[in-house]
Amino acid sequence: MSKDKTPYESPVVIGCDHAAYPLKEAIKAFLQEKGVDVVDAGCHGLESVNYPDFAKEVAGKVSDGTYPRGILLCGTGLGMSMAANRFKGIRAALVSDGFSARMSRMHNDSNILVMGARVIGESLALDLVQTWMETPFEGGRHLDRLQMFDSFK
């Protein structure tokens, strides 16, 4: 598919820790093949790093509107999702199945996809990325509920 015909929102910022580095590289290649501009926020190898640094980079750039969507990866996805959801306007969804990936977009307008590299394999991860990228937000009553999120203090 040519770049100008991709159904995927672009660019996407992606970040990971050392445990998920190989999966991040596979997802980057997959998205680039689809014509998506991918901004790599790190990490860039297998050496031990602190995942909150990369959650901050990705979630911060989605929160401030620099990028429309992001993807975060770590061993379980738990730490990344917890850190990312501390940012204003972030709806980071930790997913490990297709239904959750789809619903996180349809009903929750998730703007960061989070996955655990030690929980799911590469093939499933690529399927989840594809589902998440291709699923639109339904709006309607779901928008009212999302606006409730923003009222929480």
N, C-alpha and C. Protein backbone atom coordinates (compact mmCIF):
# COMPACT_ATOMS: atom_id res chain seq x y z
N MET A 1 0.84 -1.17 0.00
CA MET A 1 0.00 0.00 0.00
C MET A 1 0.89 1.23 0.00
N SER A 2 0.59 2.18 -0.83
CA SER A 2 1.42 3.38 -0.89
C SER A 2 1.17 4.26 0.32
N LYS A 3 2.15 5.10 0.61
CA LYS A 3 2.09 5.93 1.80
C LYS A 3 0.86 6.83 1.82
N ASP A 4 0.46 7.37 0.66
CA ASP A 4 -0.67 8.30 0.65
C ASP A 4 -2.01 7.61 0.75
N LYS A 5 -2.03 6.28 0.75
CA LYS A 5 -3.30 5.56 0.84
C LYS A 5 -3.40 4.73 2.12
N THR A 6 -2.49 4.89 3.03
CA THR A 6 -2.54 4.13 4.27
C THR A 6 -3.73 4.57 5.12
N PRO A 7 -4.47 3.62 5.69
CA PRO A 7 -5.57 3.99 6.58
C PRO A 7 -5.07 4.33 7.98
N TYR A 8 -3.78 4.23 8.20
CA TYR A 8 -3.22 4.40 9.53
C TYR A 8 -2.88 5.86 9.78
N GLU A 9 -3.23 6.34 10.98
CA GLU A 9 -2.89 7.70 11.38
C GLU A 9 -1.37 7.77 11.56
N SER A 10 -0.78 8.85 11.09
CA SER A 10 0.66 8.98 11.10
C SER A 10 1.01 10.42 11.45
N PRO A 11 2.09 10.68 12.13
CA PRO A 11 3.09 9.74 12.63
C PRO A 11 2.66 9.09 13.95
N VAL A 12 3.40 8.06 14.32
CA VAL A 12 3.21 7.35 15.58
C VAL A 12 4.54 7.37 16.31
N VAL A 13 4.52 7.69 17.59
CA VAL A 13 5.72 7.66 18.39
C VAL A 13 5.73 6.35 19.18
N ILE A 14 6.88 5.71 19.23
CA ILE A 14 6.99 4.40 19.88
C ILE A 14 8.17 4.39 20.83
N GLY A 15 7.97 3.73 21.97
CA GLY A 15 9.04 3.62 22.94
C GLY A 15 8.96 2.31 23.68
N CYS A 16 10.08 1.89 24.24
CA CYS A 16 10.14 0.61 24.95
C CYS A 16 11.27 0.61 25.96
N ASP A 17 11.29 -0.43 26.75
CA ASP A 17 12.45 -0.69 27.59
C ASP A 17 13.25 -1.82 26.96
N HIS A 18 14.30 -2.25 27.62
CA HIS A 18 15.20 -3.27 27.09
C HIS A 18 14.50 -4.61 26.84
N ALA A 19 13.52 -4.94 27.68
CA ALA A 19 12.83 -6.22 27.53
C ALA A 19 12.02 -6.30 26.24
N ALA A 20 11.63 -5.15 25.73
CA ALA A 20 10.76 -5.12 24.55
C ALA A 20 11.46 -4.59 23.31
N TYR A 21 12.76 -4.37 23.39
CA TYR A 21 13.48 -3.81 22.24
C TYR A 21 13.27 -4.60 20.95
N PRO A 22 13.43 -5.93 20.94
CA PRO A 22 13.22 -6.66 19.67
C PRO A 22 11.79 -6.51 19.14
N LEU A 23 10.79 -6.48 20.02
CA LEU A 23 9.41 -6.33 19.57
C LEU A 23 9.19 -4.93 19.00
N LYS A 24 9.79 -3.93 19.64
CA LYS A 24 9.66 -2.56 19.12
C LYS A 24 10.20 -2.48 17.70
N GLU A 25 11.31 -3.10 17.45
CA GLU A 25 11.91 -3.06 16.11
C GLU A 25 11.00 -3.74 15.09
N ALA A 26 10.36 -4.84 15.47
CA ALA A 26 9.43 -5.54 14.57
C ALA A 26 8.20 -4.68 14.28
N ILE A 27 7.68 -4.02 15.30
CA ILE A 27 6.51 -3.15 15.11
C ILE A 27 6.87 -1.95 14.24
N LYS A 28 8.03 -1.37 14.47
CA LYS A 28 8.47 -0.25 13.63
C LYS A 28 8.51 -0.65 12.17
N ALA A 29 9.12 -1.79 11.88
CA ALA A 29 9.22 -2.26 10.49
C ALA A 29 7.84 -2.51 9.90
N PHE A 30 6.95 -3.11 10.67
CA PHE A 30 5.58 -3.39 10.23
C PHE A 30 4.86 -2.09 9.86
N LEU A 31 4.94 -1.11 10.73
CA LEU A 31 4.26 0.16 10.48
C LEU A 31 4.87 0.91 9.30
N GLN A 32 6.18 0.89 9.21
CA GLN A 32 6.85 1.57 8.10
C GLN A 32 6.47 0.94 6.76
N GLU A 33 6.31 -0.38 6.75
CA GLU A 33 5.85 -1.07 5.53
C GLU A 33 4.45 -0.61 5.13
N LYS A 34 3.65 -0.18 6.12
CA LYS A 34 2.30 0.31 5.87
C LYS A 34 2.29 1.79 5.49
N GLY A 35 3.46 2.40 5.45
CA GLY A 35 3.54 3.82 5.10
C GLY A 35 3.41 4.77 6.26
N VAL A 36 3.52 4.26 7.48
CA VAL A 36 3.40 5.10 8.66
C VAL A 36 4.77 5.68 9.01
N ASP A 37 4.79 6.98 9.30
CA ASP A 37 6.01 7.59 9.83
C ASP A 37 6.10 7.21 11.30
N VAL A 38 7.19 6.56 11.68
CA VAL A 38 7.38 6.10 13.06
C VAL A 38 8.52 6.90 13.68
N VAL A 39 8.24 7.52 14.81
CA VAL A 39 9.25 8.25 15.56
C VAL A 39 9.68 7.35 16.72
N ASP A 40 10.94 7.00 16.74
CA ASP A 40 11.48 6.08 17.74
C ASP A 40 12.02 6.87 18.93
N ALA A 41 11.33 6.75 20.07
CA ALA A 41 11.73 7.45 21.29
C ALA A 41 12.66 6.60 22.16
N GLY A 42 13.10 5.44 21.64
CA GLY A 42 14.00 4.57 22.38
C GLY A 42 13.23 3.50 23.14
N CYS A 43 13.92 2.66 23.78
CA CYS A 43 15.36 2.53 23.91
C CYS A 43 15.94 1.95 22.61
N HIS A 44 17.25 1.90 22.57
CA HIS A 44 17.91 1.53 21.32
C HIS A 44 18.82 0.31 21.47
N GLY A 45 18.51 -0.55 22.43
CA GLY A 45 19.32 -1.75 22.60
C GLY A 45 18.81 -2.60 23.75
N LEU A 46 19.58 -3.61 24.07
CA LEU A 46 19.18 -4.58 25.08
C LEU A 46 19.72 -4.27 26.48
N GLU A 47 20.50 -3.19 26.62
CA GLU A 47 21.04 -2.83 27.92
C GLU A 47 19.91 -2.35 28.82
N SER A 48 19.99 -2.69 30.09
CA SER A 48 18.95 -2.34 31.06
C SER A 48 18.75 -0.83 31.13
N VAL A 49 17.47 -0.43 31.07
CA VAL A 49 17.08 0.98 31.16
C VAL A 49 15.86 1.10 32.09
N ASN A 50 15.51 2.30 32.43
CA ASN A 50 14.34 2.56 33.27
C ASN A 50 13.15 2.90 32.39
N TYR A 51 12.13 2.03 32.40
CA TYR A 51 10.98 2.22 31.51
C TYR A 51 10.26 3.55 31.71
N PRO A 52 10.20 4.14 32.93
CA PRO A 52 9.47 5.41 33.04
C PRO A 52 10.04 6.52 32.16
N ASP A 53 11.34 6.48 31.88
CA ASP A 53 11.92 7.49 30.99
C ASP A 53 11.28 7.46 29.62
N PHE A 54 10.98 6.28 29.12
CA PHE A 54 10.42 6.13 27.78
C PHE A 54 8.91 6.35 27.78
N ALA A 55 8.27 5.98 28.88
CA ALA A 55 6.84 6.29 29.03
C ALA A 55 6.65 7.80 29.04
N LYS A 56 7.53 8.51 29.74
CA LYS A 56 7.45 9.97 29.81
C LYS A 56 7.64 10.59 28.42
N GLU A 57 8.58 10.10 27.68
CA GLU A 57 8.85 10.64 26.35
C GLU A 57 7.65 10.45 25.42
N VAL A 58 7.12 9.25 25.37
CA VAL A 58 6.00 8.96 24.47
C VAL A 58 4.72 9.63 24.95
N ALA A 59 4.34 9.41 26.20
CA ALA A 59 3.10 9.97 26.71
C ALA A 59 3.13 11.50 26.72
N GLY A 60 4.28 12.06 27.01
CA GLY A 60 4.41 13.51 27.00
C GLY A 60 4.16 14.10 25.63
N LYS A 61 4.67 13.42 24.60
CA LYS A 61 4.51 13.91 23.23
C LYS A 61 3.11 13.69 22.68
N VAL A 62 2.41 12.67 23.17
CA VAL A 62 1.01 12.49 22.78
C VAL A 62 0.15 13.48 23.57
N SER A 63 0.44 13.65 24.84
CA SER A 63 -0.32 14.56 25.70
C SER A 63 -0.27 15.99 25.19
N ASP A 64 0.91 16.43 24.73
CA ASP A 64 1.02 17.82 24.27
C ASP A 64 0.62 18.02 22.81
N GLY A 65 0.19 16.94 22.16
CA GLY A 65 -0.30 17.06 20.79
C GLY A 65 0.75 16.95 19.71
N THR A 66 2.01 16.71 20.09
CA THR A 66 3.06 16.56 19.09
C THR A 66 2.76 15.39 18.16
N TYR A 67 2.26 14.28 18.73
CA TYR A 67 1.90 13.10 17.96
C TYR A 67 0.48 12.68 18.33
N PRO A 68 -0.30 12.18 17.35
CA PRO A 68 -1.67 11.78 17.64
C PRO A 68 -1.79 10.48 18.43
N ARG A 69 -0.83 9.58 18.22
CA ARG A 69 -0.88 8.28 18.89
C ARG A 69 0.52 7.79 19.21
N GLY A 70 0.58 6.89 20.19
CA GLY A 70 1.85 6.29 20.56
C GLY A 70 1.68 4.82 20.89
N ILE A 71 2.81 4.15 20.93
CA ILE A 71 2.86 2.74 21.32
C ILE A 71 3.98 2.60 22.35
N LEU A 72 3.68 1.92 23.45
CA LEU A 72 4.65 1.66 24.50
C LEU A 72 4.74 0.16 24.76
N LEU A 73 5.95 -0.30 25.00
CA LEU A 73 6.21 -1.72 25.22
C LEU A 73 7.19 -1.88 26.38
N CYS A 74 6.93 -2.87 27.22
CA CYS A 74 7.90 -3.28 28.22
C CYS A 74 7.68 -4.77 28.46
N GLY A 75 8.26 -5.32 29.48
CA GLY A 75 8.13 -6.75 29.71
C GLY A 75 6.68 -7.20 29.86
N THR A 76 5.94 -6.54 30.76
CA THR A 76 4.53 -6.90 30.97
C THR A 76 3.56 -5.88 30.41
N GLY A 77 4.01 -4.67 30.19
CA GLY A 77 3.14 -3.57 29.78
C GLY A 77 2.54 -2.84 30.96
N LEU A 78 2.60 -3.43 32.13
CA LEU A 78 1.96 -2.83 33.31
C LEU A 78 2.60 -1.50 33.71
N GLY A 79 3.89 -1.48 33.85
CA GLY A 79 4.56 -0.24 34.26
C GLY A 79 4.38 0.87 33.25
N MET A 80 4.51 0.54 31.99
CA MET A 80 4.33 1.55 30.95
C MET A 80 2.92 2.14 30.97
N SER A 81 1.92 1.28 31.12
CA SER A 81 0.54 1.79 31.12
C SER A 81 0.28 2.66 32.35
N MET A 82 0.80 2.26 33.50
CA MET A 82 0.62 3.05 34.71
C MET A 82 1.29 4.42 34.58
N ALA A 83 2.50 4.43 34.07
CA ALA A 83 3.23 5.70 33.91
C ALA A 83 2.55 6.60 32.88
N ALA A 84 2.17 6.04 31.74
CA ALA A 84 1.59 6.84 30.66
C ALA A 84 0.27 7.47 31.09
N ASN A 85 -0.54 6.74 31.83
CA ASN A 85 -1.86 7.25 32.21
C ASN A 85 -1.82 8.36 33.24
N ARG A 86 -0.66 8.73 33.70
CA ARG A 86 -0.52 9.87 34.61
C ARG A 86 -0.51 11.20 33.86
N PHE A 87 -0.40 11.14 32.53
CA PHE A 87 -0.34 12.36 31.73
C PHE A 87 -1.74 12.80 31.32
N LYS A 88 -1.94 14.11 31.32
CA LYS A 88 -3.23 14.69 30.96
C LYS A 88 -3.62 14.27 29.54
N GLY A 89 -4.84 13.81 29.42
CA GLY A 89 -5.38 13.46 28.11
C GLY A 89 -4.94 12.12 27.56
N ILE A 90 -4.18 11.39 28.33
CA ILE A 90 -3.70 10.09 27.85
C ILE A 90 -4.68 9.00 28.25
N ARG A 91 -4.97 8.16 27.27
CA ARG A 91 -5.80 6.98 27.48
C ARG A 91 -4.99 5.80 26.94
N ALA A 92 -4.06 5.35 27.77
CA ALA A 92 -3.18 4.24 27.40
C ALA A 92 -3.87 2.93 27.74
N ALA A 93 -3.97 2.06 26.75
CA ALA A 93 -4.66 0.78 26.92
C ALA A 93 -3.67 -0.37 26.83
N LEU A 94 -3.56 -1.13 27.90
CA LEU A 94 -2.74 -2.34 27.92
C LEU A 94 -3.59 -3.47 27.35
N VAL A 95 -3.17 -4.01 26.23
CA VAL A 95 -3.96 -5.05 25.58
C VAL A 95 -3.12 -6.29 25.28
N SER A 96 -3.82 -7.44 25.27
CA SER A 96 -3.15 -8.69 24.89
C SER A 96 -4.10 -9.57 24.07
N ASP A 97 -5.22 -8.97 23.61
CA ASP A 97 -6.15 -9.71 22.75
C ASP A 97 -6.81 -8.73 21.79
N GLY A 98 -7.30 -9.25 20.69
CA GLY A 98 -7.87 -8.43 19.64
C GLY A 98 -9.12 -7.68 20.05
N PHE A 99 -9.98 -8.31 20.84
CA PHE A 99 -11.21 -7.65 21.27
C PHE A 99 -10.88 -6.40 22.09
N SER A 100 -9.94 -6.52 23.01
CA SER A 100 -9.56 -5.37 23.84
C SER A 100 -8.92 -4.27 23.00
N ALA A 101 -8.09 -4.65 22.04
CA ALA A 101 -7.48 -3.65 21.16
C ALA A 101 -8.55 -2.88 20.39
N ARG A 102 -9.50 -3.60 19.85
CA ARG A 102 -10.58 -2.97 19.08
C ARG A 102 -11.45 -2.08 19.97
N MET A 103 -11.86 -2.59 21.11
CA MET A 103 -12.74 -1.83 21.99
C MET A 103 -12.04 -0.63 22.61
N SER A 104 -10.73 -0.73 22.83
CA SER A 104 -9.99 0.40 23.38
C SER A 104 -10.05 1.60 22.44
N ARG A 105 -10.18 1.34 21.17
CA ARG A 105 -10.32 2.42 20.18
C ARG A 105 -11.79 2.80 20.01
N MET A 106 -12.67 1.83 19.81
CA MET A 106 -14.07 2.11 19.52
C MET A 106 -14.77 2.86 20.65
N HIS A 107 -14.56 2.42 21.87
CA HIS A 107 -15.29 2.98 23.00
C HIS A 107 -14.47 3.93 23.86
N ASN A 108 -13.15 3.78 23.85
CA ASN A 108 -12.31 4.58 24.75
C ASN A 108 -11.38 5.54 24.03
N ASP A 109 -11.36 5.51 22.72
CA ASP A 109 -10.49 6.39 21.93
C ASP A 109 -9.06 6.38 22.47
N SER A 110 -8.56 5.19 22.77
CA SER A 110 -7.20 5.10 23.32
C SER A 110 -6.22 5.75 22.36
N ASN A 111 -5.28 6.48 22.94
CA ASN A 111 -4.28 7.15 22.11
C ASN A 111 -2.88 6.60 22.30
N ILE A 112 -2.74 5.66 23.23
CA ILE A 112 -1.48 4.93 23.37
C ILE A 112 -1.82 3.45 23.55
N LEU A 113 -1.23 2.64 22.71
CA LEU A 113 -1.34 1.18 22.79
C LEU A 113 -0.16 0.68 23.61
N VAL A 114 -0.44 -0.16 24.60
CA VAL A 114 0.62 -0.72 25.45
C VAL A 114 0.53 -2.23 25.38
N MET A 115 1.69 -2.87 25.23
CA MET A 115 1.75 -4.32 25.20
C MET A 115 2.96 -4.81 25.98
N GLY A 116 2.86 -6.04 26.46
CA GLY A 116 3.95 -6.68 27.19
C GLY A 116 4.66 -7.68 26.32
N ALA A 117 5.92 -7.42 26.04
CA ALA A 117 6.69 -8.30 25.16
C ALA A 117 6.90 -9.69 25.74
N ARG A 118 6.89 -9.80 27.06
CA ARG A 118 7.06 -11.11 27.69
C ARG A 118 5.72 -11.83 27.87
N VAL A 119 4.64 -11.16 27.48
CA VAL A 119 3.30 -11.71 27.63
C VAL A 119 2.77 -12.22 26.29
N ILE A 120 3.04 -11.49 25.23
CA ILE A 120 2.55 -11.85 23.90
C ILE A 120 3.72 -12.01 22.94
N GLY A 121 3.51 -12.74 21.90
CA GLY A 121 4.55 -12.92 20.89
C GLY A 121 4.45 -11.87 19.79
N GLU A 122 5.41 -11.91 18.90
CA GLU A 122 5.48 -10.92 17.83
C GLU A 122 4.27 -10.98 16.89
N SER A 123 3.86 -12.16 16.51
CA SER A 123 2.74 -12.28 15.58
C SER A 123 1.46 -11.67 16.16
N LEU A 124 1.16 -11.99 17.41
CA LEU A 124 -0.01 -11.41 18.05
C LEU A 124 0.15 -9.90 18.20
N ALA A 125 1.32 -9.46 18.57
CA ALA A 125 1.55 -8.02 18.73
C ALA A 125 1.28 -7.27 17.43
N LEU A 126 1.73 -7.81 16.31
CA LEU A 126 1.49 -7.15 15.02
C LEU A 126 0.01 -7.14 14.68
N ASP A 127 -0.70 -8.21 15.00
CA ASP A 127 -2.15 -8.23 14.80
C ASP A 127 -2.84 -7.17 15.65
N LEU A 128 -2.39 -7.03 16.88
CA LEU A 128 -2.99 -6.04 17.78
C LEU A 128 -2.71 -4.62 17.30
N VAL A 129 -1.50 -4.37 16.83
CA VAL A 129 -1.17 -3.05 16.27
C VAL A 129 -2.07 -2.76 15.08
N GLN A 130 -2.22 -3.73 14.20
CA GLN A 130 -3.06 -3.53 13.01
C GLN A 130 -4.50 -3.22 13.41
N THR A 131 -5.05 -4.00 14.31
CA THR A 131 -6.42 -3.78 14.78
C THR A 131 -6.55 -2.40 15.40
N TRP A 132 -5.65 -2.04 16.27
CA TRP A 132 -5.69 -0.76 16.98
C TRP A 132 -5.57 0.42 16.02
N MET A 133 -4.68 0.29 15.06
CA MET A 133 -4.47 1.38 14.11
C MET A 133 -5.66 1.56 13.16
N GLU A 134 -6.34 0.47 12.83
CA GLU A 134 -7.42 0.52 11.85
C GLU A 134 -8.80 0.80 12.45
N THR A 135 -8.94 0.71 13.75
CA THR A 135 -10.25 0.85 14.38
C THR A 135 -10.53 2.31 14.73
N PRO A 136 -11.64 2.85 14.23
CA PRO A 136 -11.99 4.24 14.56
C PRO A 136 -12.74 4.34 15.89
N PHE A 137 -12.75 5.53 16.45
CA PHE A 137 -13.53 5.84 17.63
C PHE A 137 -14.98 6.06 17.21
N GLU A 138 -15.92 5.46 17.94
CA GLU A 138 -17.33 5.58 17.59
C GLU A 138 -17.96 6.90 18.00
N GLY A 139 -17.41 7.57 18.99
CA GLY A 139 -17.99 8.83 19.45
C GLY A 139 -19.32 8.60 20.17
N GLY A 140 -20.28 9.52 19.96
CA GLY A 140 -21.60 9.39 20.57
C GLY A 140 -21.53 9.32 22.08
N ARG A 141 -22.23 8.36 22.64
CA ARG A 141 -22.29 8.22 24.10
C ARG A 141 -20.91 7.98 24.70
N HIS A 142 -20.01 7.43 23.91
CA HIS A 142 -18.66 7.16 24.40
C HIS A 142 -17.88 8.46 24.61
N LEU A 143 -18.15 9.46 23.79
CA LEU A 143 -17.50 10.76 23.96
C LEU A 143 -17.91 11.39 25.29
N ASP A 144 -19.17 11.27 25.63
CA ASP A 144 -19.64 11.80 26.92
C ASP A 144 -18.88 11.16 28.07
N ARG A 145 -18.64 9.87 27.97
CA ARG A 145 -17.93 9.16 29.03
C ARG A 145 -16.46 9.58 29.10
N LEU A 146 -15.85 9.79 27.94
CA LEU A 146 -14.46 10.24 27.94
C LEU A 146 -14.34 11.63 28.55
N GLN A 147 -15.32 12.47 28.30
CA GLN A 147 -15.30 13.81 28.89
C GLN A 147 -15.39 13.73 30.41
N MET A 148 -16.03 12.69 30.91
CA MET A 148 -16.05 12.48 32.35
C MET A 148 -14.65 12.23 32.89
N PHE A 149 -13.82 11.52 32.13
CA PHE A 149 -12.43 11.27 32.54
C PHE A 149 -11.75 12.59 32.86
N ASP A 150 -11.94 13.57 31.96
CA ASP A 150 -11.25 14.84 32.09
C ASP A 150 -11.73 15.65 33.29
N SER A 151 -12.87 15.30 33.85
CA SER A 151 -13.38 16.01 35.01
C SER A 151 -12.81 15.47 36.31
N PHE A 152 -12.16 14.30 36.27
CA PHE A 152 -11.59 13.71 37.48
C PHE A 152 -10.39 14.53 37.94
N LYS A 153 -10.25 14.65 39.24
CA LYS A 153 -9.11 15.38 39.80
C LYS A 153 -8.29 14.46 40.65
